[in-house]
Protein backbone atom coordinates (compact mmCIF):
# COMPACT_ATOMS: atom_id res chain seq x y z
CA MET A 1 0.62 -9.80 -10.88
CA ALA A 2 0.90 -12.97 -8.86
CA PRO A 3 4.07 -14.20 -7.13
CA GLY A 4 6.62 -15.07 -9.80
CA ASP A 5 4.98 -12.90 -12.49
CA TYR A 6 7.17 -10.27 -14.09
CA ILE A 7 7.32 -7.70 -16.84
CA THR A 8 10.44 -7.00 -18.89
CA SER A 9 11.88 -3.75 -20.22
CA PRO A 10 11.80 -3.33 -24.00
CA SER A 11 15.53 -4.15 -24.26
CA GLY A 12 15.14 -7.19 -22.01
CA ASN A 13 17.81 -5.86 -19.63
CA TYR A 14 15.49 -5.29 -16.65
CA THR A 15 12.53 -7.00 -15.05
CA LEU A 16 9.88 -5.99 -12.53
CA THR A 17 8.97 -9.08 -10.53
CA MET A 18 6.27 -9.83 -7.97
CA GLN A 19 8.19 -11.91 -5.44
CA ALA A 20 6.71 -14.59 -3.19
CA SER A 21 7.79 -12.40 -0.24
CA GLY A 22 5.16 -9.83 -1.30
CA ASP A 23 7.63 -7.27 -2.60
CA MET A 24 7.44 -6.06 -6.19
CA VAL A 25 11.07 -5.45 -7.18
CA ALA A 26 12.87 -3.90 -10.14
CA SER A 27 16.00 -5.89 -11.05
CA SER A 28 17.81 -2.57 -11.56
CA GLY A 29 17.50 -1.78 -7.85
CA ASN A 30 15.78 1.51 -8.73
CA TRP A 31 12.43 0.64 -7.11
CA ASN A 32 10.59 -1.80 -4.87
CA SER A 33 7.19 -1.75 -3.26
CA ASN A 34 8.40 -2.37 0.32
CA THR A 35 5.36 -4.57 0.92
CA PRO A 36 6.39 -7.73 2.77
CA SER A 37 3.34 -9.99 2.78
CA LEU A 38 3.77 -13.62 1.82
CA ASN A 39 2.18 -14.44 -1.56
CA ALA A 40 0.82 -10.93 -2.09
CA THR A 41 -0.49 -9.90 -5.51
CA ALA A 42 -0.52 -6.59 -7.37
CA LYS A 43 -3.05 -4.95 -9.65
CA VAL A 44 -3.35 -1.64 -11.47
CA ASN A 45 -6.94 -0.43 -11.22
CA GLY A 46 -8.04 0.19 -14.81
CA THR A 47 -10.47 2.89 -13.76
CA THR A 48 -8.22 4.95 -11.48
CA GLY A 49 -4.63 3.94 -12.36
CA ASP A 50 -3.82 3.15 -8.74
CA LEU A 51 -1.31 0.31 -8.21
CA THR A 52 -2.49 -1.74 -5.23
CA ILE A 53 -0.76 -4.62 -3.44
CA TYR A 54 -3.08 -7.21 -1.86
CA SER A 55 -2.28 -9.73 0.88
CA SER A 56 -2.88 -13.42 0.19
CA GLU A 57 -6.19 -12.98 2.06
CA GLY A 58 -7.26 -10.29 -0.44
CA ALA A 59 -6.88 -7.25 1.82
CA ALA A 60 -5.31 -4.15 0.26
CA ILE A 61 -2.02 -3.50 2.12
CA ALA A 62 -0.43 -0.69 0.07
CA HIS A 63 -1.18 1.54 -2.89
CA SER A 64 0.51 4.12 -5.09
CA ALA A 65 -2.14 6.84 -4.60
CA LEU A 66 -1.94 7.51 -8.35
CA THR A 67 -5.57 8.13 -9.18
CA VAL A 68 -7.65 9.76 -11.92
CA HIS A 69 -5.67 8.03 -14.67
CA LYS A 70 -8.15 5.72 -16.40
CA GLY A 71 -6.47 3.02 -18.47
CA ALA A 72 -3.06 3.41 -16.81
CA TYR A 73 -0.54 0.57 -16.89
CA LEU A 74 2.82 -0.28 -15.35
CA ILE A 75 6.15 -0.67 -17.18
CA ILE A 76 9.85 -0.98 -16.46
CA ASN A 77 11.80 1.11 -18.94
CA ASP A 78 15.25 0.60 -20.45
CA SER A 79 16.84 2.65 -17.64
CA GLY A 80 15.41 0.22 -15.08
CA ASP A 81 12.87 2.75 -13.79
CA VAL A 82 9.32 1.69 -12.91
CA GLN A 83 6.74 3.93 -14.53
CA MET A 84 2.99 4.32 -14.59
CA ILE A 85 1.81 5.21 -18.10
CA ASN A 86 -1.59 6.70 -18.94
CA SER A 87 -3.84 5.54 -21.77
CA PHE A 88 -2.27 8.15 -24.09
CA GLY A 89 1.24 6.75 -23.51
CA ALA A 90 2.41 9.62 -21.30
CA VAL A 91 4.39 8.98 -18.11
CA ILE A 92 2.31 9.70 -15.00
CA ALA A 93 4.97 8.83 -12.42
CA THR A 94 8.44 7.30 -12.17
CA ASN A 95 9.75 5.25 -9.23
CA PHE A 96 6.75 6.41 -7.19
CA PRO A 97 6.27 5.61 -3.49
CA MET A 98 3.83 3.02 -2.16
CA PHE A 99 1.70 3.97 0.85
CA PRO A 100 0.52 1.49 3.50
CA LEU A 101 -3.21 1.02 3.96
């Protein structure tokens, strides 16, 4: 996700937005990445399922440490919670922490 990109909950009531400040923020207030880095981007590694935030220079600055989940993807659900989902549709983690690198 690049600054300004967002995903929406199925009901449309909540969004998860990558802000220009570098924070990824749930509109519900239930979660944020706490990663201030101007124009940072975010990516879920399709092989490991790890959510990583990258600085504008391309350096990894934080990650979720959620690994061994090939094909995982990120959602915001209708309760406003941020979840990592595995390739089978099962929830791996909800409102998980991000760890600095």
